[in-house]
Amino acid sequence: MWAPKINRDYKDGDDIRPLKPTGEQNLRLAQLKFQEEEAKKIKAASDTIYKRSVQDLAHWTSATVDADPLWLLYYKRMLKPITEFH
């Protein structure tokens, strides 16, 4: 009645619905979720590296050496003869 030859092809052929359990759209959505999870992992790793780099920079920068607890408690006193050598 409404294009019976085409309908017969769909009935006898593969299921081409995009929203079936293994359809194109569902596969795309699953892949998108996987990519989002991977992006979160990569972002967490890069944030960790960035934070560690900032901490290392703060530790080794001469501008912050006066606030270093080890410098204040030990090295400043032990190296006083060297730093105040005239």
PDB file of N, CA and C in Angstrom:
ATOM      1  N   MET A   1       0.823  -1.174   0.000  1.00  0.00           N
ATOM      2  CA  MET A   1       0.000   0.000   0.000  1.00  0.00           C
ATOM      3  C   MET A   1       0.880   1.256   0.000  1.00  0.00           C
ATOM      4  N   TRP A   2       1.694   1.422   0.985  1.00  0.00           N
ATOM      5  CA  TRP A   2       2.620   2.570   0.978  1.00  0.00           C
ATOM      6  C   TRP A   2       4.017   2.043   0.683  1.00  0.00           C
ATOM      7  N   ALA A   3       4.413   2.064  -0.518  1.00  0.00           N
ATOM      8  CA  ALA A   3       5.700   1.572  -0.999  1.00  0.00           C
ATOM      9  C   ALA A   3       5.970   0.161  -0.487  1.00  0.00           C
ATOM     10  N   PRO A   4       5.185  -0.826  -0.880  1.00  0.00           N
ATOM     11  CA  PRO A   4       5.338  -2.188  -0.340  1.00  0.00           C
ATOM     12  C   PRO A   4       6.671  -2.835  -0.671  1.00  0.00           C
ATOM     13  N   LYS A   5       7.265  -2.496  -1.815  1.00  0.00           N
ATOM     14  CA  LYS A   5       8.540  -3.113  -2.166  1.00  0.00           C
ATOM     15  C   LYS A   5       9.637  -2.667  -1.196  1.00  0.00           C
ATOM     16  N   ILE A   6       9.674  -1.376  -0.862  1.00  0.00           N
ATOM     17  CA  ILE A   6      10.677  -0.861   0.078  1.00  0.00           C
ATOM     18  C   ILE A   6      10.445  -1.446   1.469  1.00  0.00           C
ATOM     19  N   ASN A   7       9.190  -1.511   1.893  1.00  0.00           N
ATOM     20  CA  ASN A   7       8.889  -2.076   3.208  1.00  0.00           C
ATOM     21  C   ASN A   7       9.322  -3.531   3.289  1.00  0.00           C
ATOM     22  N   ARG A   8       9.139  -4.274   2.191  1.00  0.00           N
ATOM     23  CA  ARG A   8       9.561  -5.671   2.172  1.00  0.00           C
ATOM     24  C   ARG A   8      11.081  -5.773   2.329  1.00  0.00           C
ATOM     25  N   ASP A   9      11.817  -4.850   1.734  1.00  0.00           N
ATOM     26  CA  ASP A   9      13.279  -4.860   1.870  1.00  0.00           C
ATOM     27  C   ASP A   9      13.688  -4.652   3.319  1.00  0.00           C
ATOM     28  N   TYR A  10      13.014  -3.752   3.998  1.00  0.00           N
ATOM     29  CA  TYR A  10      13.351  -3.508   5.413  1.00  0.00           C
ATOM     30  C   TYR A  10      12.972  -4.690   6.292  1.00  0.00           C
ATOM     31  N   LYS A  11      11.844  -5.334   5.992  1.00  0.00           N
ATOM     32  CA  LYS A  11      11.423  -6.485   6.794  1.00  0.00           C
ATOM     33  C   LYS A  11      12.405  -7.639   6.654  1.00  0.00           C
ATOM     34  N   ASP A  12      12.890  -7.872   5.462  1.00  0.00           N
ATOM     35  CA  ASP A  12      13.784  -9.010   5.222  1.00  0.00           C
ATOM     36  C   ASP A  12      15.253  -8.671   5.477  1.00  0.00           C
ATOM     37  N   GLY A  13      15.582  -7.399   5.554  1.00  0.00           N
ATOM     38  CA  GLY A  13      16.983  -7.007   5.679  1.00  0.00           C
ATOM     39  C   GLY A  13      17.404  -6.782   7.129  1.00  0.00           C
ATOM     40  N   ASP A  14      18.566  -6.144   7.273  1.00  0.00           N
ATOM     41  CA  ASP A  14      19.099  -5.840   8.599  1.00  0.00           C
ATOM     42  C   ASP A  14      18.255  -4.783   9.295  1.00  0.00           C
ATOM     43  N   ASP A  15      18.317  -4.805  10.607  1.00  0.00           N
ATOM     44  CA  ASP A  15      17.631  -3.791  11.410  1.00  0.00           C
ATOM     45  C   ASP A  15      18.488  -2.531  11.393  1.00  0.00           C
ATOM     46  N   ILE A  16      17.980  -1.475  10.777  1.00  0.00           N
ATOM     47  CA  ILE A  16      18.791  -0.258  10.610  1.00  0.00           C
ATOM     48  C   ILE A  16      18.346   0.878  11.534  1.00  0.00           C
ATOM     49  N   ARG A  17      17.564   0.551  12.550  1.00  0.00           N
ATOM     50  CA  ARG A  17      17.099   1.610  13.456  1.00  0.00           C
ATOM     51  C   ARG A  17      18.284   2.174  14.241  1.00  0.00           C
ATOM     52  N   PRO A  18      18.443   3.505  14.299  1.00  0.00           N
ATOM     53  CA  PRO A  18      19.580   4.082  15.004  1.00  0.00           C
ATOM     54  C   PRO A  18      19.480   3.973  16.524  1.00  0.00           C
ATOM     55  N   LEU A  19      18.268   3.782  17.060  1.00  0.00           N
ATOM     56  CA  LEU A  19      18.104   3.728  18.515  1.00  0.00           C
ATOM     57  C   LEU A  19      17.939   2.318  19.054  1.00  0.00           C
ATOM     58  N   LYS A  20      18.207   1.304  18.242  1.00  0.00           N
ATOM     59  CA  LYS A  20      18.153  -0.062  18.767  1.00  0.00           C
ATOM     60  C   LYS A  20      19.329  -0.247  19.732  1.00  0.00           C
ATOM     61  N   PRO A  21      19.357  -1.295  20.526  1.00  0.00           N
ATOM     62  CA  PRO A  21      20.442  -1.444  21.526  1.00  0.00           C
ATOM     63  C   PRO A  21      21.849  -1.380  20.940  1.00  0.00           C
ATOM     64  N   THR A  22      22.032  -1.861  19.732  1.00  0.00           N
ATOM     65  CA  THR A  22      23.355  -1.774  19.107  1.00  0.00           C
ATOM     66  C   THR A  22      23.327  -0.823  17.916  1.00  0.00           C
ATOM     67  N   GLY A  23      22.421   0.152  17.929  1.00  0.00           N
ATOM     68  CA  GLY A  23      22.287   1.104  16.837  1.00  0.00           C
ATOM     69  C   GLY A  23      23.366   2.170  16.853  1.00  0.00           C
ATOM     70  N   GLU A  24      23.442   2.911  15.765  1.00  0.00           N
ATOM     71  CA  GLU A  24      24.476   3.940  15.597  1.00  0.00           C
ATOM     72  C   GLU A  24      24.435   4.981  16.709  1.00  0.00           C
ATOM     73  N   GLN A  25      23.246   5.483  17.030  1.00  0.00           N
ATOM     74  CA  GLN A  25      23.139   6.550  18.026  1.00  0.00           C
ATOM     75  C   GLN A  25      23.560   6.064  19.411  1.00  0.00           C
ATOM     76  N   ASN A  26      23.147   4.865  19.789  1.00  0.00           N
ATOM     77  CA  ASN A  26      23.540   4.338  21.100  1.00  0.00           C
ATOM     78  C   ASN A  26      25.038   4.080  21.172  1.00  0.00           C
ATOM     79  N   LEU A  27      25.630   3.619  20.066  1.00  0.00           N
ATOM     80  CA  LEU A  27      27.076   3.425  20.041  1.00  0.00           C
ATOM     81  C   LEU A  27      27.808   4.754  20.177  1.00  0.00           C
ATOM     82  N   ARG A  28      27.288   5.795  19.527  1.00  0.00           N
ATOM     83  CA  ARG A  28      27.896   7.125  19.656  1.00  0.00           C
ATOM     84  C   ARG A  28      27.807   7.641  21.083  1.00  0.00           C
ATOM     85  N   LEU A  29      26.664   7.456  21.718  1.00  0.00           N
ATOM     86  CA  LEU A  29      26.507   7.908  23.110  1.00  0.00           C
ATOM     87  C   LEU A  29      27.451   7.156  24.051  1.00  0.00           C
ATOM     88  N   ALA A  30      27.603   5.860  23.849  1.00  0.00           N
ATOM     89  CA  ALA A  30      28.523   5.082  24.681  1.00  0.00           C
ATOM     90  C   ALA A  30      29.965   5.544  24.466  1.00  0.00           C
ATOM     91  N   GLN A  31      30.329   5.808  23.229  1.00  0.00           N
ATOM     92  CA  GLN A  31      31.678   6.288  22.935  1.00  0.00           C
ATOM     93  C   GLN A  31      31.905   7.669  23.543  1.00  0.00           C
ATOM     94  N   LEU A  32      30.884   8.517  23.508  1.00  0.00           N
ATOM     95  CA  LEU A  32      30.987   9.838  24.112  1.00  0.00           C
ATOM     96  C   LEU A  32      31.228   9.744  25.617  1.00  0.00           C
ATOM     97  N   LYS A  33      30.518   8.856  26.289  1.00  0.00           N
ATOM     98  CA  LYS A  33      30.721   8.666  27.731  1.00  0.00           C
ATOM     99  C   LYS A  33      32.143   8.194  28.019  1.00  0.00           C
ATOM    100  N   PHE A  34      32.632   7.265  27.211  1.00  0.00           N
ATOM    101  CA  PHE A  34      33.997   6.773  27.382  1.00  0.00           C
ATOM    102  C   PHE A  34      35.005   7.903  27.196  1.00  0.00           C
ATOM    103  N   GLN A  35      34.792   8.744  26.179  1.00  0.00           N
ATOM    104  CA  GLN A  35      35.705   9.856  25.935  1.00  0.00           C
ATOM    105  C   GLN A  35      35.653  10.882  27.069  1.00  0.00           C
ATOM    106  N   GLU A  36      34.476  11.112  27.635  1.00  0.00           N
ATOM    107  CA  GLU A  36      34.362  12.038  28.761  1.00  0.00           C
ATOM    108  C   GLU A  36      35.137  11.526  29.976  1.00  0.00           C
ATOM    109  N   GLU A  37      35.051  10.227  30.241  1.00  0.00           N
ATOM    110  CA  GLU A  37      35.797   9.644  31.357  1.00  0.00           C
ATOM    111  C   GLU A  37      37.306   9.758  31.130  1.00  0.00           C
ATOM    112  N   GLU A  38      37.743   9.503  29.918  1.00  0.00           N
ATOM    113  CA  GLU A  38      39.163   9.629  29.601  1.00  0.00           C
ATOM    114  C   GLU A  38      39.629  11.079  29.737  1.00  0.00           C
ATOM    115  N   ALA A  39      38.793  12.021  29.320  1.00  0.00           N
ATOM    116  CA  ALA A  39      39.135  13.440  29.439  1.00  0.00           C
ATOM    117  C   ALA A  39      39.262  13.845  30.911  1.00  0.00           C
ATOM    118  N   LYS A  40      38.392  13.310  31.753  1.00  0.00           N
ATOM    119  CA  LYS A  40      38.475  13.600  33.197  1.00  0.00           C
ATOM    120  C   LYS A  40      39.781  13.065  33.781  1.00  0.00           C
ATOM    121  N   LYS A  41      40.174  11.857  33.366  1.00  0.00           N
ATOM    122  CA  LYS A  41      41.430  11.278  33.855  1.00  0.00           C
ATOM    123  C   LYS A  41      42.631  12.122  33.412  1.00  0.00           C
ATOM    124  N   ILE A  42      42.618  12.547  32.161  1.00  0.00           N
ATOM    125  CA  ILE A  42      43.722  13.357  31.634  1.00  0.00           C
ATOM    126  C   ILE A  42      43.788  14.695  32.347  1.00  0.00           C
ATOM    127  N   LYS A  43      42.631  15.301  32.596  1.00  0.00           N
ATOM    128  CA  LYS A  43      42.597  16.589  33.295  1.00  0.00           C
ATOM    129  C   LYS A  43      43.107  16.447  34.721  1.00  0.00           C
ATOM    130  N   ALA A  44      42.714  15.384  35.405  1.00  0.00           N
ATOM    131  CA  ALA A  44      43.191  15.161  36.770  1.00  0.00           C
ATOM    132  C   ALA A  44      44.704  14.969  36.785  1.00  0.00           C
ATOM    133  N   ALA A  45      45.233  14.235  35.828  1.00  0.00           N
ATOM    134  CA  ALA A  45      46.679  14.024  35.761  1.00  0.00           C
ATOM    135  C   ALA A  45      47.418  15.322  35.478  1.00  0.00           C
ATOM    136  N   SER A  46      46.891  16.123  34.551  1.00  0.00           N
ATOM    137  CA  SER A  46      47.573  17.385  34.231  1.00  0.00           C
ATOM    138  C   SER A  46      47.469  18.379  35.391  1.00  0.00           C
ATOM    139  N   ASP A  47      46.337  18.378  36.105  1.00  0.00           N
ATOM    140  CA  ASP A  47      46.213  19.247  37.279  1.00  0.00           C
ATOM    141  C   ASP A  47      47.214  18.849  38.358  1.00  0.00           C
ATOM    142  N   THR A  48      47.411  17.546  38.541  1.00  0.00           N
ATOM    143  CA  THR A  48      48.376  17.065  39.521  1.00  0.00           C
ATOM    144  C   THR A  48      49.784  17.506  39.147  1.00  0.00           C
ATOM    145  N   ILE A  49      50.129  17.378  37.889  1.00  0.00           N
ATOM    146  CA  ILE A  49      51.455  17.797  37.421  1.00  0.00           C
ATOM    147  C   ILE A  49      51.624  19.301  37.613  1.00  0.00           C
ATOM    148  N   TYR A  50      50.591  20.073  37.290  1.00  0.00           N
ATOM    149  CA  TYR A  50      50.663  21.525  37.438  1.00  0.00           C
ATOM    150  C   TYR A  50      50.847  21.917  38.905  1.00  0.00           C
ATOM    151  N   LYS A  51      50.060  21.323  39.785  1.00  0.00           N
ATOM    152  CA  LYS A  51      50.170  21.656  41.208  1.00  0.00           C
ATOM    153  C   LYS A  51      51.550  21.291  41.753  1.00  0.00           C
ATOM    154  N   ARG A  52      52.061  20.152  41.319  1.00  0.00           N
ATOM    155  CA  ARG A  52      53.393  19.732  41.774  1.00  0.00           C
ATOM    156  C   ARG A  52      54.460  20.696  41.261  1.00  0.00           C
ATOM    157  N   SER A  53      54.312  21.164  40.037  1.00  0.00           N
ATOM    158  CA  SER A  53      55.268  22.111  39.474  1.00  0.00           C
ATOM    159  C   SER A  53      55.241  23.436  40.227  1.00  0.00           C
ATOM    160  N   VAL A  54      54.051  23.889  40.572  1.00  0.00           N
ATOM    161  CA  VAL A  54      53.939  25.134  41.332  1.00  0.00           C
ATOM    162  C   VAL A  54      54.570  24.970  42.712  1.00  0.00           C
ATOM    163  N   GLN A  55      54.353  23.831  43.347  1.00  0.00           N
ATOM    164  CA  GLN A  55      54.961  23.575  44.655  1.00  0.00           C
ATOM    165  C   GLN A  55      56.483  23.535  44.556  1.00  0.00           C
ATOM    166  N   ASP A  56      56.986  22.882  43.535  1.00  0.00           N
ATOM    167  CA  ASP A  56      58.438  22.823  43.354  1.00  0.00           C
ATOM    168  C   ASP A  56      59.015  24.206  43.096  1.00  0.00           C
ATOM    169  N   LEU A  57      58.324  25.000  42.288  1.00  0.00           N
ATOM    170  CA  LEU A  57      58.794  26.349  42.008  1.00  0.00           C
ATOM    171  C   LEU A  57      58.819  27.182  43.288  1.00  0.00           C
ATOM    172  N   ALA A  58      57.771  27.063  44.091  1.00  0.00           N
ATOM    173  CA  ALA A  58      57.728  27.818  45.347  1.00  0.00           C
ATOM    174  C   ALA A  58      58.835  27.358  46.289  1.00  0.00           C
ATOM    175  N   HIS A  59      59.159  26.083  46.258  1.00  0.00           N
ATOM    176  CA  HIS A  59      60.197  25.562  47.143  1.00  0.00           C
ATOM    177  C   HIS A  59      61.588  26.033  46.719  1.00  0.00           C
ATOM    178  N   TRP A  60      61.831  26.086  45.425  1.00  0.00           N
ATOM    179  CA  TRP A  60      63.171  26.396  44.948  1.00  0.00           C
ATOM    180  C   TRP A  60      63.380  27.870  44.612  1.00  0.00           C
ATOM    181  N   THR A  61      62.344  28.688  44.660  1.00  0.00           N
ATOM    182  CA  THR A  61      62.478  30.101  44.320  1.00  0.00           C
ATOM    183  C   THR A  61      63.152  30.849  45.461  1.00  0.00           C
ATOM    184  N   SER A  62      64.073  31.711  45.123  1.00  0.00           N
ATOM    185  CA  SER A  62      64.783  32.462  46.151  1.00  0.00           C
ATOM    186  C   SER A  62      63.871  33.451  46.874  1.00  0.00           C
ATOM    187  N   ALA A  63      62.773  33.811  46.256  1.00  0.00           N
ATOM    188  CA  ALA A  63      61.841  34.746  46.895  1.00  0.00           C
ATOM    189  C   ALA A  63      61.150  34.117  48.097  1.00  0.00           C
ATOM    190  N   THR A  64      61.018  32.794  48.104  1.00  0.00           N
ATOM    191  CA  THR A  64      60.315  32.139  49.212  1.00  0.00           C
ATOM    192  C   THR A  64      61.257  31.415  50.159  1.00  0.00           C
ATOM    193  N   VAL A  65      62.542  31.530  49.958  1.00  0.00           N
ATOM    194  CA  VAL A  65      63.470  30.786  50.809  1.00  0.00           C
ATOM    195  C   VAL A  65      63.419  31.270  52.256  1.00  0.00           C
ATOM    196  N   ASP A  66      63.091  32.527  52.474  1.00  0.00           N
ATOM    197  CA  ASP A  66      63.003  33.028  53.846  1.00  0.00           C
ATOM    198  C   ASP A  66      61.801  32.466  54.588  1.00  0.00           C
ATOM    199  N   ALA A  67      60.840  31.920  53.887  1.00  0.00           N
ATOM    200  CA  ALA A  67      59.676  31.320  54.542  1.00  0.00           C
ATOM    201  C   ALA A  67      59.809  29.817  54.681  1.00  0.00           C
ATOM    202  N   ASP A  68      60.898  29.226  54.202  1.00  0.00           N
ATOM    203  CA  ASP A  68      61.097  27.793  54.277  1.00  0.00           C
ATOM    204  C   ASP A  68      61.370  27.389  55.722  1.00  0.00           C
ATOM    205  N   PRO A  69      60.576  26.488  56.303  1.00  0.00           N
ATOM    206  CA  PRO A  69      60.781  26.107  57.701  1.00  0.00           C
ATOM    207  C   PRO A  69      62.163  25.514  57.981  1.00  0.00           C
ATOM    208  N   LEU A  70      62.680  24.716  57.054  1.00  0.00           N
ATOM    209  CA  LEU A  70      64.015  24.153  57.273  1.00  0.00           C
ATOM    210  C   LEU A  70      65.081  25.247  57.300  1.00  0.00           C
ATOM    211  N   TRP A  71      64.917  26.236  56.442  1.00  0.00           N
ATOM    212  CA  TRP A  71      65.863  27.353  56.438  1.00  0.00           C
ATOM    213  C   TRP A  71      65.793  28.103  57.761  1.00  0.00           C
ATOM    214  N   LEU A  72      64.587  28.373  58.219  1.00  0.00           N
ATOM    215  CA  LEU A  72      64.419  29.145  59.450  1.00  0.00           C
ATOM    216  C   LEU A  72      64.905  28.379  60.682  1.00  0.00           C
ATOM    217  N   LEU A  73      64.648  27.089  60.729  1.00  0.00           N
ATOM    218  CA  LEU A  73      64.980  26.323  61.936  1.00  0.00           C
ATOM    219  C   LEU A  73      66.421  25.807  61.962  1.00  0.00           C
ATOM    220  N   TYR A  74      66.981  25.515  60.837  1.00  0.00           N
ATOM    221  CA  TYR A  74      68.283  24.849  60.852  1.00  0.00           C
ATOM    222  C   TYR A  74      69.346  25.548  59.999  1.00  0.00           C
ATOM    223  N   TYR A  75      69.084  25.652  58.709  1.00  0.00           N
ATOM    224  CA  TYR A  75      70.134  26.114  57.808  1.00  0.00           C
ATOM    225  C   TYR A  75      70.559  27.560  58.056  1.00  0.00           C
ATOM    226  N   LYS A  76      69.629  28.412  58.427  1.00  0.00           N
ATOM    227  CA  LYS A  76      69.971  29.816  58.646  1.00  0.00           C
ATOM    228  C   LYS A  76      70.994  29.932  59.772  1.00  0.00           C
ATOM    229  N   ARG A  77      70.779  29.180  60.835  1.00  0.00           N
ATOM    230  CA  ARG A  77      71.699  29.214  61.972  1.00  0.00           C
ATOM    231  C   ARG A  77      73.018  28.520  61.640  1.00  0.00           C
ATOM    232  N   MET A  78      72.947  27.387  60.967  1.00  0.00           N
ATOM    233  CA  MET A  78      74.165  26.626  60.677  1.00  0.00           C
ATOM    234  C   MET A  78      75.029  27.305  59.608  1.00  0.00           C
ATOM    235  N   LEU A  79      74.394  28.014  58.682  1.00  0.00           N
ATOM    236  CA  LEU A  79      75.143  28.671  57.606  1.00  0.00           C
ATOM    237  C   LEU A  79      75.411  30.144  57.895  1.00  0.00           C
ATOM    238  N   LYS A  80      75.107  30.575  59.088  1.00  0.00           N
ATOM    239  CA  LYS A  80      75.297  31.984  59.435  1.00  0.00           C
ATOM    240  C   LYS A  80      76.763  32.420  59.231  1.00  0.00           C
ATOM    241  N   PRO A  81      77.753  31.629  59.612  1.00  0.00           N
ATOM    242  CA  PRO A  81      79.137  32.056  59.373  1.00  0.00           C
ATOM    243  C   PRO A  81      79.460  32.268  57.880  1.00  0.00           C
ATOM    244  N   ILE A  82      78.828  31.500  57.025  1.00  0.00           N
ATOM    245  CA  ILE A  82      79.082  31.639  55.593  1.00  0.00           C
ATOM    246  C   ILE A  82      78.327  32.829  55.009  1.00  0.00           C
ATOM    247  N   THR A  83      77.057  32.980  55.403  1.00  0.00           N
ATOM    248  CA  THR A  83      76.239  34.049  54.823  1.00  0.00           C
ATOM    249  C   THR A  83      76.675  35.424  55.334  1.00  0.00           C
ATOM    250  N   GLU A  84      77.275  35.475  56.522  1.00  0.00           N
ATOM    251  CA  GLU A  84      77.703  36.766  57.071  1.00  0.00           C
ATOM    252  C   GLU A  84      79.229  36.933  57.008  1.00  0.00           C
ATOM    253  N   PHE A  85      79.855  36.198  56.132  1.00  0.00           N
ATOM    254  CA  PHE A  85      81.312  36.285  55.997  1.00  0.00           C
ATOM    255  C   PHE A  85      81.699  37.606  55.343  1.00  0.00           C
ATOM    256  N   HIS A  86      82.660  38.320  55.966  1.00  0.00           N
ATOM    257  CA  HIS A  86      83.078  39.621  55.426  1.00  0.00           C
ATOM    258  C   HIS A  86      84.492  39.544  54.937  1.00  0.00           C
TER     259      HIS A  86
END
